[in-house]
């Protein structure tokens, strides 16, 4: 898999997925800068960035990622589009996802890895115990990543369940449909309004 993505997996690996937050003029850039500053201090981790979409704030974040990767080319890489299959496959090889993407809440807990969820882009959504919420400032992000790697948190991940299900909804529906008796003739009923 690492050959397919052309990156080298290390002992510590993080997937960074960050999107600009609409209606927050310029703060997405400031918050993302805090994240990059927190990541700079991680000397022993390999950072895999997914690039955001191309709205105005997204373009700024994309440029910031490209500059970061250029300076830290031996410890980081970026992908404009991994595609769903590569993204989900990559989750098997990383210790956690850092950013503000809904995937950190929806898919990541299924892989028994942690999510550092930055800011309030995902506020109000159900969250597994594998999600660490933090404010968008350097120190808080740094502490959240430290918590992600703590022995206590890593042990907790083994028993985490995903509140969005385990991806087997189709099988459950099919099982119920096979057991359900469907009438041979369906009588249409009309209602006079």
N, C-alpha and C. Protein backbone atom coordinates (compact mmCIF):
# COMPACT_ATOMS: atom_id res chain seq x y z
N UNK A 1 0.83 -1.21 0.00
CA UNK A 1 0.00 0.00 0.00
C UNK A 1 0.86 1.26 0.00
N UNK A 2 1.91 1.28 0.82
CA UNK A 2 2.76 2.47 0.88
C UNK A 2 3.43 2.73 -0.47
N UNK A 3 3.69 1.65 -1.24
CA UNK A 3 4.26 1.83 -2.58
C UNK A 3 3.26 2.52 -3.49
N UNK A 4 1.99 2.12 -3.39
CA UNK A 4 0.95 2.68 -4.23
C UNK A 4 0.81 4.19 -3.98
N UNK A 5 0.91 4.60 -2.72
CA UNK A 5 0.80 6.01 -2.39
C UNK A 5 2.15 6.73 -2.45
N UNK A 6 3.21 5.98 -2.68
CA UNK A 6 4.56 6.54 -2.75
C UNK A 6 4.94 7.30 -1.48
N UNK A 7 4.72 6.67 -0.34
CA UNK A 7 5.14 7.27 0.92
C UNK A 7 5.69 6.17 1.82
N UNK A 8 6.50 6.58 2.77
CA UNK A 8 7.12 5.59 3.66
C UNK A 8 6.49 5.66 5.04
N UNK A 9 5.88 4.56 5.43
CA UNK A 9 5.23 4.46 6.73
C UNK A 9 6.31 4.32 7.80
N UNK A 10 6.13 5.04 8.91
CA UNK A 10 7.10 4.99 10.02
C UNK A 10 6.44 4.38 11.26
N UNK A 11 7.13 4.49 12.39
CA UNK A 11 6.54 3.94 13.62
C UNK A 11 5.36 4.80 14.09
N UNK A 12 5.41 6.10 13.84
CA UNK A 12 4.28 6.99 14.15
C UNK A 12 3.83 7.64 12.85
N UNK A 13 2.52 7.56 12.58
CA UNK A 13 1.98 8.09 11.33
C UNK A 13 0.64 8.75 11.59
N UNK A 14 0.45 9.93 11.01
CA UNK A 14 -0.81 10.64 11.18
C UNK A 14 -1.34 11.08 9.82
N UNK A 15 -2.65 11.00 9.68
CA UNK A 15 -3.32 11.48 8.48
C UNK A 15 -3.95 12.82 8.84
N UNK A 16 -3.61 13.86 8.09
CA UNK A 16 -4.10 15.21 8.39
C UNK A 16 -5.14 15.60 7.35
N UNK A 17 -6.37 15.82 7.81
CA UNK A 17 -7.46 16.20 6.92
C UNK A 17 -8.17 17.41 7.51
N UNK A 18 -7.92 18.58 6.90
CA UNK A 18 -8.45 19.83 7.45
C UNK A 18 -9.15 20.62 6.35
N UNK A 19 -10.35 21.09 6.66
CA UNK A 19 -11.13 21.89 5.71
C UNK A 19 -11.36 23.29 6.27
N UNK A 20 -11.48 24.25 5.37
CA UNK A 20 -11.80 25.61 5.82
C UNK A 20 -13.24 25.60 6.35
N UNK A 21 -13.50 26.50 7.29
CA UNK A 21 -14.82 26.58 7.89
C UNK A 21 -15.54 27.79 7.29
N UNK A 22 -16.67 27.57 6.61
CA UNK A 22 -17.39 28.70 6.00
C UNK A 22 -17.81 29.72 7.06
N UNK A 23 -17.91 30.94 6.66
CA UNK A 23 -18.35 32.06 7.51
C UNK A 23 -17.37 32.41 8.62
N UNK A 24 -16.15 31.91 8.53
CA UNK A 24 -15.13 32.28 9.51
C UNK A 24 -14.00 33.00 8.78
N UNK A 25 -14.21 34.26 8.45
CA UNK A 25 -13.25 35.03 7.65
C UNK A 25 -11.82 34.95 8.17
N UNK A 26 -10.97 34.30 7.40
CA UNK A 26 -9.54 34.27 7.72
C UNK A 26 -9.14 33.42 8.91
N UNK A 27 -10.11 32.99 9.73
CA UNK A 27 -9.72 32.23 10.92
C UNK A 27 -9.27 30.81 10.57
N UNK A 28 -9.78 30.27 9.46
CA UNK A 28 -9.35 28.93 9.04
C UNK A 28 -7.85 28.91 8.82
N UNK A 29 -7.34 29.97 8.19
CA UNK A 29 -5.90 30.08 7.94
C UNK A 29 -5.13 30.15 9.26
N UNK A 30 -5.62 30.96 10.19
CA UNK A 30 -4.97 31.12 11.50
C UNK A 30 -4.99 29.79 12.27
N UNK A 31 -6.14 29.11 12.26
CA UNK A 31 -6.27 27.83 12.97
C UNK A 31 -5.38 26.76 12.35
N UNK A 32 -5.30 26.76 11.01
CA UNK A 32 -4.47 25.77 10.34
C UNK A 32 -2.99 26.03 10.62
N UNK A 33 -2.64 27.29 10.74
CA UNK A 33 -1.25 27.64 11.09
C UNK A 33 -0.91 27.09 12.48
N UNK A 34 -1.86 27.16 13.40
CA UNK A 34 -1.68 26.59 14.74
C UNK A 34 -1.45 25.09 14.65
N UNK A 35 -2.21 24.43 13.79
CA UNK A 35 -2.05 22.99 13.59
C UNK A 35 -0.66 22.67 13.04
N UNK A 36 -0.23 23.39 12.01
CA UNK A 36 1.10 23.15 11.42
C UNK A 36 2.21 23.38 12.44
N UNK A 37 2.06 24.40 13.27
CA UNK A 37 3.06 24.66 14.31
C UNK A 37 3.11 23.52 15.33
N UNK A 38 1.96 22.95 15.65
CA UNK A 38 1.93 21.80 16.57
C UNK A 38 2.58 20.58 15.92
N UNK A 39 2.35 20.41 14.62
CA UNK A 39 2.91 19.25 13.91
C UNK A 39 4.42 19.36 13.73
N UNK A 40 4.93 20.58 13.63
CA UNK A 40 6.38 20.79 13.46
C UNK A 40 7.16 20.18 14.62
N UNK A 41 6.55 20.17 15.80
CA UNK A 41 7.21 19.65 17.00
C UNK A 41 7.26 18.13 17.04
N UNK A 42 6.52 17.46 16.15
CA UNK A 42 6.52 16.00 16.12
C UNK A 42 7.70 15.51 15.28
N UNK A 43 8.79 15.25 15.93
CA UNK A 43 10.02 14.89 15.22
C UNK A 43 10.01 13.46 14.69
N UNK A 44 9.23 12.58 15.32
CA UNK A 44 9.31 11.16 14.97
C UNK A 44 8.08 10.64 14.22
N UNK A 45 7.27 11.53 13.66
CA UNK A 45 6.05 11.10 12.99
C UNK A 45 6.09 11.42 11.49
N UNK A 46 5.41 10.58 10.72
CA UNK A 46 5.24 10.82 9.29
C UNK A 46 3.84 11.38 9.10
N UNK A 47 3.73 12.48 8.38
CA UNK A 47 2.46 13.19 8.23
C UNK A 47 1.95 13.08 6.80
N UNK A 48 0.74 12.56 6.67
CA UNK A 48 0.12 12.39 5.36
C UNK A 48 -1.04 13.39 5.27
N UNK A 49 -0.90 14.39 4.41
CA UNK A 49 -1.91 15.43 4.27
C UNK A 49 -2.84 15.13 3.09
N UNK A 50 -4.14 15.37 3.29
CA UNK A 50 -5.06 15.41 2.16
C UNK A 50 -5.34 16.88 1.91
N UNK A 51 -5.32 17.29 0.66
CA UNK A 51 -5.52 18.70 0.33
C UNK A 51 -7.01 19.04 0.32
N UNK A 52 -7.34 20.26 0.80
CA UNK A 52 -8.75 20.66 0.86
C UNK A 52 -9.29 21.04 -0.52
N UNK A 53 -10.58 21.32 -0.57
CA UNK A 53 -11.18 21.76 -1.84
C UNK A 53 -10.66 23.15 -2.22
N UNK A 54 -11.08 23.63 -3.37
CA UNK A 54 -10.48 24.85 -3.92
C UNK A 54 -11.27 26.13 -3.70
N UNK A 55 -12.03 26.24 -2.60
CA UNK A 55 -12.63 27.54 -2.33
C UNK A 55 -11.52 28.48 -1.88
N UNK A 56 -11.83 29.74 -1.63
CA UNK A 56 -10.75 30.71 -1.37
C UNK A 56 -9.90 30.35 -0.15
N UNK A 57 -10.53 29.99 0.97
CA UNK A 57 -9.75 29.57 2.15
C UNK A 57 -9.04 28.25 1.89
N UNK A 58 -9.69 27.38 1.14
CA UNK A 58 -9.09 26.08 0.80
C UNK A 58 -7.80 26.25 0.02
N UNK A 59 -7.77 27.21 -0.90
CA UNK A 59 -6.55 27.46 -1.69
C UNK A 59 -5.41 27.93 -0.80
N UNK A 60 -5.72 28.74 0.19
CA UNK A 60 -4.70 29.23 1.13
C UNK A 60 -4.15 28.06 1.94
N UNK A 61 -5.02 27.21 2.45
CA UNK A 61 -4.61 26.04 3.24
C UNK A 61 -3.78 25.09 2.37
N UNK A 62 -4.22 24.91 1.13
CA UNK A 62 -3.48 24.05 0.19
C UNK A 62 -2.05 24.56 0.01
N UNK A 63 -1.91 25.85 -0.16
CA UNK A 63 -0.58 26.46 -0.33
C UNK A 63 0.26 26.26 0.94
N UNK A 64 -0.37 26.40 2.11
CA UNK A 64 0.33 26.21 3.38
C UNK A 64 0.83 24.77 3.52
N UNK A 65 -0.01 23.81 3.09
CA UNK A 65 0.38 22.40 3.14
C UNK A 65 1.56 22.16 2.19
N UNK A 66 1.45 22.67 0.98
CA UNK A 66 2.51 22.47 -0.01
C UNK A 66 3.84 23.04 0.47
N UNK A 67 3.81 24.22 1.09
CA UNK A 67 5.03 24.83 1.65
C UNK A 67 5.60 23.98 2.78
N UNK A 68 4.70 23.49 3.67
CA UNK A 68 5.11 22.66 4.80
C UNK A 68 5.79 21.38 4.30
N UNK A 69 5.16 20.72 3.32
CA UNK A 69 5.69 19.46 2.79
C UNK A 69 7.03 19.69 2.09
N UNK A 70 7.17 20.82 1.41
CA UNK A 70 8.43 21.14 0.73
C UNK A 70 9.57 21.26 1.74
N UNK A 71 9.30 21.92 2.85
CA UNK A 71 10.31 22.11 3.91
C UNK A 71 10.55 20.81 4.67
N UNK A 72 9.50 20.00 4.85
CA UNK A 72 9.59 18.76 5.64
C UNK A 72 9.37 17.53 4.75
N UNK A 73 10.04 17.49 3.62
CA UNK A 73 9.78 16.46 2.60
C UNK A 73 10.11 15.04 3.06
N UNK A 74 11.00 14.87 4.01
CA UNK A 74 11.33 13.51 4.46
C UNK A 74 10.34 12.99 5.50
N UNK A 75 9.54 13.88 6.06
CA UNK A 75 8.61 13.46 7.11
C UNK A 75 7.14 13.74 6.77
N UNK A 76 6.88 14.16 5.53
CA UNK A 76 5.49 14.46 5.17
C UNK A 76 5.26 14.33 3.67
N UNK A 77 3.99 14.18 3.32
CA UNK A 77 3.58 14.06 1.92
C UNK A 77 2.15 14.59 1.83
N UNK A 78 1.75 15.05 0.64
CA UNK A 78 0.37 15.50 0.47
C UNK A 78 -0.24 14.86 -0.77
N UNK A 79 -1.57 14.68 -0.73
CA UNK A 79 -2.31 14.12 -1.85
C UNK A 79 -3.51 15.02 -2.14
N UNK A 80 -3.65 15.38 -3.41
CA UNK A 80 -4.79 16.23 -3.77
C UNK A 80 -6.08 15.43 -3.69
N UNK A 81 -6.02 14.18 -4.09
CA UNK A 81 -7.19 13.32 -3.96
C UNK A 81 -6.73 11.88 -3.80
N UNK A 82 -7.03 11.30 -2.66
CA UNK A 82 -6.65 9.91 -2.42
C UNK A 82 -7.69 8.96 -2.96
N UNK A 83 -8.91 9.43 -3.09
CA UNK A 83 -10.02 8.55 -3.44
C UNK A 83 -10.45 7.79 -2.20
N UNK A 84 -11.68 7.38 -2.15
CA UNK A 84 -12.23 6.71 -0.96
C UNK A 84 -11.46 5.45 -0.58
N UNK A 85 -11.16 4.62 -1.58
CA UNK A 85 -10.49 3.35 -1.29
C UNK A 85 -9.11 3.56 -0.70
N UNK A 86 -8.29 4.44 -1.30
CA UNK A 86 -6.96 4.71 -0.77
C UNK A 86 -7.03 5.36 0.61
N UNK A 87 -8.00 6.26 0.78
CA UNK A 87 -8.17 6.94 2.07
C UNK A 87 -8.47 5.92 3.17
N UNK A 88 -9.45 5.05 2.92
CA UNK A 88 -9.82 4.04 3.91
C UNK A 88 -8.70 3.03 4.13
N UNK A 89 -7.98 2.68 3.06
CA UNK A 89 -6.85 1.76 3.18
C UNK A 89 -5.74 2.37 4.03
N UNK A 90 -5.52 3.66 3.86
CA UNK A 90 -4.47 4.36 4.61
C UNK A 90 -4.76 4.35 6.11
N UNK A 91 -6.04 4.35 6.47
CA UNK A 91 -6.41 4.35 7.90
C UNK A 91 -5.85 3.13 8.63
N UNK A 92 -5.59 2.04 7.92
CA UNK A 92 -5.02 0.84 8.54
C UNK A 92 -3.58 1.05 8.99
N UNK A 93 -2.91 2.04 8.40
CA UNK A 93 -1.48 2.22 8.64
C UNK A 93 -1.14 3.45 9.49
N UNK A 94 -2.15 4.21 9.90
CA UNK A 94 -1.89 5.41 10.69
C UNK A 94 -2.38 5.23 12.12
N UNK A 95 -1.85 6.07 13.01
CA UNK A 95 -2.22 6.02 14.43
C UNK A 95 -3.46 6.85 14.71
N UNK A 96 -3.74 7.79 13.81
CA UNK A 96 -4.89 8.65 14.01
C UNK A 96 -5.05 9.64 12.89
N UNK A 97 -6.20 10.32 12.93
CA UNK A 97 -6.51 11.38 11.97
C UNK A 97 -6.61 12.68 12.74
N UNK A 98 -5.96 13.71 12.20
CA UNK A 98 -5.96 15.01 12.85
C UNK A 98 -6.58 16.02 11.89
N UNK A 99 -7.53 16.80 12.36
CA UNK A 99 -8.15 17.81 11.52
C UNK A 99 -9.57 18.10 11.95
N UNK A 100 -10.41 18.41 10.96
CA UNK A 100 -11.81 18.74 11.29
C UNK A 100 -12.78 18.10 10.30
N UNK A 101 -12.37 17.00 9.70
CA UNK A 101 -13.19 16.32 8.70
C UNK A 101 -14.22 15.40 9.35
N UNK A 102 -15.36 15.27 8.71
CA UNK A 102 -16.41 14.37 9.22
C UNK A 102 -15.93 12.91 9.22
N UNK A 103 -14.97 12.58 8.39
CA UNK A 103 -14.47 11.20 8.34
C UNK A 103 -13.85 10.80 9.68
N UNK A 104 -13.30 11.77 10.41
CA UNK A 104 -12.72 11.50 11.72
C UNK A 104 -13.74 11.01 12.72
N UNK A 105 -15.01 11.37 12.47
CA UNK A 105 -16.10 10.93 13.35
C UNK A 105 -16.84 9.72 12.78
N UNK A 106 -17.00 9.68 11.46
CA UNK A 106 -17.83 8.64 10.84
C UNK A 106 -17.08 7.35 10.55
N UNK A 107 -15.93 7.43 9.87
CA UNK A 107 -15.23 6.21 9.47
C UNK A 107 -14.10 5.79 10.41
N UNK A 108 -13.34 6.76 10.89
CA UNK A 108 -12.11 6.47 11.63
C UNK A 108 -12.32 5.58 12.86
N UNK A 109 -13.37 5.77 13.68
CA UNK A 109 -13.54 4.91 14.86
C UNK A 109 -13.64 3.42 14.54
N UNK A 110 -14.12 3.08 13.36
CA UNK A 110 -14.22 1.67 12.96
C UNK A 110 -12.85 1.01 12.91
N UNK A 111 -11.80 1.81 12.63
CA UNK A 111 -10.45 1.28 12.50
C UNK A 111 -9.70 1.22 13.84
N UNK A 112 -10.41 1.55 14.94
CA UNK A 112 -9.82 1.51 16.29
C UNK A 112 -8.60 2.41 16.41
N UNK A 113 -8.67 3.57 15.75
CA UNK A 113 -7.63 4.59 15.88
C UNK A 113 -8.27 5.89 16.34
N UNK A 114 -7.44 6.80 16.85
CA UNK A 114 -7.96 8.03 17.40
C UNK A 114 -8.15 9.14 16.38
N UNK A 115 -8.98 10.09 16.76
CA UNK A 115 -9.20 11.29 15.96
C UNK A 115 -8.97 12.50 16.84
N UNK A 116 -8.13 13.43 16.37
CA UNK A 116 -8.01 14.73 17.03
C UNK A 116 -8.88 15.66 16.21
N UNK A 117 -10.01 16.05 16.78
CA UNK A 117 -11.01 16.86 16.11
C UNK A 117 -10.84 18.33 16.53
N UNK A 118 -10.38 19.15 15.58
CA UNK A 118 -10.02 20.53 15.89
C UNK A 118 -11.16 21.50 15.60
N UNK A 119 -11.47 22.35 16.59
CA UNK A 119 -12.48 23.39 16.39
C UNK A 119 -13.89 22.85 16.44
N UNK A 120 -14.83 23.68 15.92
CA UNK A 120 -16.24 23.31 16.07
C UNK A 120 -16.95 23.00 14.74
N UNK A 121 -16.19 22.66 13.70
CA UNK A 121 -16.81 22.32 12.41
C UNK A 121 -17.74 21.11 12.55
N UNK A 122 -17.43 20.20 13.47
CA UNK A 122 -18.24 19.00 13.67
C UNK A 122 -19.09 19.08 14.95
N UNK A 123 -19.28 20.29 15.45
CA UNK A 123 -20.05 20.48 16.69
C UNK A 123 -21.46 19.90 16.56
N UNK A 124 -21.91 19.24 17.62
CA UNK A 124 -23.26 18.71 17.66
C UNK A 124 -23.42 17.32 17.08
N UNK A 125 -22.36 16.78 16.49
CA UNK A 125 -22.44 15.43 15.91
C UNK A 125 -22.10 14.37 16.94
N UNK A 126 -22.65 13.17 16.77
CA UNK A 126 -22.32 12.05 17.66
C UNK A 126 -20.83 11.75 17.52
N UNK A 127 -20.20 11.40 18.65
CA UNK A 127 -18.77 11.10 18.61
C UNK A 127 -18.46 9.86 19.43
N UNK A 128 -17.57 9.04 18.87
CA UNK A 128 -17.08 7.86 19.59
C UNK A 128 -16.10 8.32 20.66
N UNK A 129 -15.75 7.41 21.58
CA UNK A 129 -14.78 7.73 22.63
C UNK A 129 -13.37 7.87 22.07
N UNK A 130 -13.19 7.54 20.79
CA UNK A 130 -11.88 7.66 20.14
C UNK A 130 -11.62 9.07 19.62
N UNK A 131 -12.62 9.96 19.78
CA UNK A 131 -12.49 11.33 19.28
C UNK A 131 -12.06 12.26 20.41
N UNK A 132 -10.97 12.97 20.18
CA UNK A 132 -10.47 13.96 21.15
C UNK A 132 -10.77 15.34 20.58
N UNK A 133 -11.70 16.04 21.19
CA UNK A 133 -12.02 17.40 20.75
C UNK A 133 -11.00 18.37 21.31
N UNK A 134 -10.60 19.34 20.50
CA UNK A 134 -9.68 20.35 21.01
C UNK A 134 -9.90 21.69 20.31
N UNK A 135 -9.48 22.73 20.97
CA UNK A 135 -9.56 24.08 20.40
C UNK A 135 -8.49 24.25 19.33
N UNK A 136 -8.70 25.19 18.41
CA UNK A 136 -7.75 25.37 17.31
C UNK A 136 -6.53 26.24 17.66
N UNK A 137 -5.86 25.90 18.76
CA UNK A 137 -4.62 26.62 19.08
C UNK A 137 -3.49 25.61 19.27
N UNK A 138 -2.28 26.05 19.04
CA UNK A 138 -1.10 25.17 19.00
C UNK A 138 -0.94 24.30 20.23
N UNK A 139 -1.03 24.88 21.41
CA UNK A 139 -0.80 24.13 22.65
C UNK A 139 -1.87 23.05 22.86
N UNK A 140 -3.14 23.40 22.63
CA UNK A 140 -4.22 22.44 22.82
C UNK A 140 -4.12 21.30 21.81
N UNK A 141 -3.78 21.62 20.57
CA UNK A 141 -3.62 20.58 19.53
C UNK A 141 -2.46 19.65 19.91
N UNK A 142 -1.37 20.26 20.34
CA UNK A 142 -0.19 19.48 20.75
C UNK A 142 -0.54 18.53 21.89
N UNK A 143 -1.30 19.02 22.88
CA UNK A 143 -1.71 18.19 24.01
C UNK A 143 -2.67 17.07 23.57
N UNK A 144 -3.53 17.37 22.61
CA UNK A 144 -4.47 16.36 22.09
C UNK A 144 -3.71 15.24 21.39
N UNK A 145 -2.67 15.60 20.61
CA UNK A 145 -1.86 14.58 19.92
C UNK A 145 -1.08 13.76 20.94
N UNK A 146 -0.62 14.43 21.99
CA UNK A 146 0.09 13.73 23.07
C UNK A 146 -0.85 12.72 23.74
N UNK A 147 -2.10 13.14 23.96
CA UNK A 147 -3.12 12.24 24.55
C UNK A 147 -3.38 11.06 23.62
N UNK A 148 -3.47 11.32 22.30
CA UNK A 148 -3.71 10.27 21.32
C UNK A 148 -2.67 9.15 21.44
N UNK A 149 -1.42 9.54 21.69
CA UNK A 149 -0.34 8.56 21.79
C UNK A 149 -0.14 8.00 23.20
N UNK A 150 -0.90 8.49 24.18
CA UNK A 150 -0.73 7.99 25.55
C UNK A 150 -1.18 6.54 25.65
N UNK A 151 -0.53 5.82 26.53
CA UNK A 151 -0.82 4.38 26.74
C UNK A 151 -2.29 4.18 27.14
N UNK A 152 -2.78 5.03 28.02
CA UNK A 152 -4.16 4.92 28.51
C UNK A 152 -5.15 5.05 27.34
N UNK A 153 -4.95 6.05 26.49
CA UNK A 153 -5.85 6.27 25.37
C UNK A 153 -5.74 5.14 24.35
N UNK A 154 -4.53 4.69 24.08
CA UNK A 154 -4.33 3.58 23.12
C UNK A 154 -5.03 2.31 23.60
N UNK A 155 -5.02 2.06 24.91
CA UNK A 155 -5.74 0.91 25.47
C UNK A 155 -7.25 1.05 25.31
N UNK A 156 -7.75 2.28 25.49
CA UNK A 156 -9.19 2.55 25.36
C UNK A 156 -9.67 2.29 23.94
N UNK A 157 -8.80 2.54 22.95
CA UNK A 157 -9.19 2.38 21.54
C UNK A 157 -9.61 0.95 21.20
N UNK A 158 -9.06 -0.03 21.92
CA UNK A 158 -9.35 -1.43 21.64
C UNK A 158 -10.83 -1.77 21.80
N UNK A 159 -11.52 -1.01 22.67
CA UNK A 159 -12.92 -1.32 22.96
C UNK A 159 -13.90 -0.29 22.39
N UNK A 160 -13.41 0.64 21.60
CA UNK A 160 -14.26 1.70 21.05
C UNK A 160 -15.24 1.14 20.03
N UNK A 161 -16.49 1.61 20.11
CA UNK A 161 -17.45 1.24 19.07
C UNK A 161 -17.87 2.50 18.32
N UNK A 162 -18.14 2.35 17.04
CA UNK A 162 -18.49 3.48 16.20
C UNK A 162 -19.99 3.76 16.32
N UNK A 163 -20.38 4.95 16.78
CA UNK A 163 -21.81 5.25 16.93
C UNK A 163 -22.55 5.30 15.59
N UNK A 164 -21.79 5.36 14.49
CA UNK A 164 -22.41 5.39 13.16
C UNK A 164 -22.54 3.99 12.55
N UNK A 165 -22.25 2.97 13.36
CA UNK A 165 -22.41 1.59 12.89
C UNK A 165 -21.09 0.97 12.47
N UNK A 166 -21.19 -0.30 12.06
CA UNK A 166 -19.98 -1.04 11.72
C UNK A 166 -19.87 -1.33 10.22
N UNK A 167 -20.69 -0.67 9.42
CA UNK A 167 -20.61 -0.85 7.98
C UNK A 167 -21.32 -2.08 7.46
N UNK A 168 -22.13 -2.74 8.30
CA UNK A 168 -22.81 -3.97 7.89
C UNK A 168 -24.33 -3.79 7.80
N UNK A 169 -24.76 -2.56 7.52
CA UNK A 169 -26.20 -2.27 7.44
C UNK A 169 -26.88 -3.07 6.34
N UNK A 170 -26.24 -3.19 5.19
CA UNK A 170 -26.84 -3.92 4.06
C UNK A 170 -27.14 -5.36 4.44
N UNK A 171 -26.18 -6.02 5.09
CA UNK A 171 -26.36 -7.41 5.49
C UNK A 171 -27.54 -7.54 6.47
N UNK A 172 -27.65 -6.60 7.42
CA UNK A 172 -28.74 -6.64 8.39
C UNK A 172 -30.10 -6.46 7.70
N UNK A 173 -30.16 -5.52 6.77
CA UNK A 173 -31.42 -5.26 6.05
C UNK A 173 -31.82 -6.49 5.24
N UNK A 174 -30.85 -7.11 4.55
CA UNK A 174 -31.13 -8.29 3.73
C UNK A 174 -31.63 -9.45 4.60
N UNK A 175 -31.05 -9.62 5.77
CA UNK A 175 -31.45 -10.68 6.70
C UNK A 175 -32.91 -10.50 7.12
N UNK A 176 -33.28 -9.26 7.44
CA UNK A 176 -34.66 -8.95 7.85
C UNK A 176 -35.62 -9.16 6.69
N UNK A 177 -35.24 -8.70 5.50
CA UNK A 177 -36.12 -8.86 4.33
C UNK A 177 -36.36 -10.33 3.99
N UNK A 178 -35.31 -11.15 4.14
CA UNK A 178 -35.45 -12.58 3.83
C UNK A 178 -36.41 -13.27 4.80
N UNK A 179 -36.48 -12.80 6.05
CA UNK A 179 -37.35 -13.40 7.06
C UNK A 179 -38.78 -12.87 6.99
N UNK A 180 -38.96 -11.72 6.37
CA UNK A 180 -40.26 -11.06 6.35
C UNK A 180 -41.15 -11.65 5.26
N UNK A 181 -42.37 -12.02 5.63
CA UNK A 181 -43.33 -12.56 4.67
C UNK A 181 -43.98 -11.39 3.94
N UNK A 182 -43.81 -11.41 2.64
CA UNK A 182 -44.43 -10.37 1.81
C UNK A 182 -45.68 -10.97 1.19
N UNK A 183 -46.83 -10.29 1.33
CA UNK A 183 -48.09 -10.83 0.79
C UNK A 183 -47.99 -11.04 -0.73
N UNK A 184 -48.69 -12.10 -1.21
CA UNK A 184 -48.69 -12.38 -2.65
C UNK A 184 -49.40 -11.27 -3.41
N UNK A 185 -50.49 -10.79 -2.83
CA UNK A 185 -51.28 -9.76 -3.49
C UNK A 185 -51.36 -8.54 -2.60
N UNK A 186 -51.01 -7.43 -3.14
CA UNK A 186 -51.10 -6.20 -2.36
C UNK A 186 -52.33 -5.44 -2.79
N UNK A 187 -53.24 -5.21 -1.87
CA UNK A 187 -54.48 -4.49 -2.18
C UNK A 187 -54.22 -3.00 -2.04
N UNK A 188 -54.55 -2.28 -3.10
CA UNK A 188 -54.40 -0.83 -3.04
C UNK A 188 -55.59 -0.24 -2.31
N UNK A 189 -55.28 0.67 -1.43
CA UNK A 189 -56.36 1.35 -0.72
C UNK A 189 -56.38 2.79 -1.16
N UNK A 190 -57.58 3.30 -1.43
CA UNK A 190 -57.73 4.68 -1.84
C UNK A 190 -58.45 5.46 -0.76
N UNK A 191 -58.02 6.66 -0.56
CA UNK A 191 -58.64 7.51 0.44
C UNK A 191 -59.27 8.71 -0.24
N UNK A 192 -60.53 8.96 0.10
CA UNK A 192 -61.25 10.10 -0.47
C UNK A 192 -60.88 11.35 0.31
N UNK A 193 -60.24 12.30 -0.36
CA UNK A 193 -59.84 13.53 0.31
C UNK A 193 -60.96 14.54 0.18
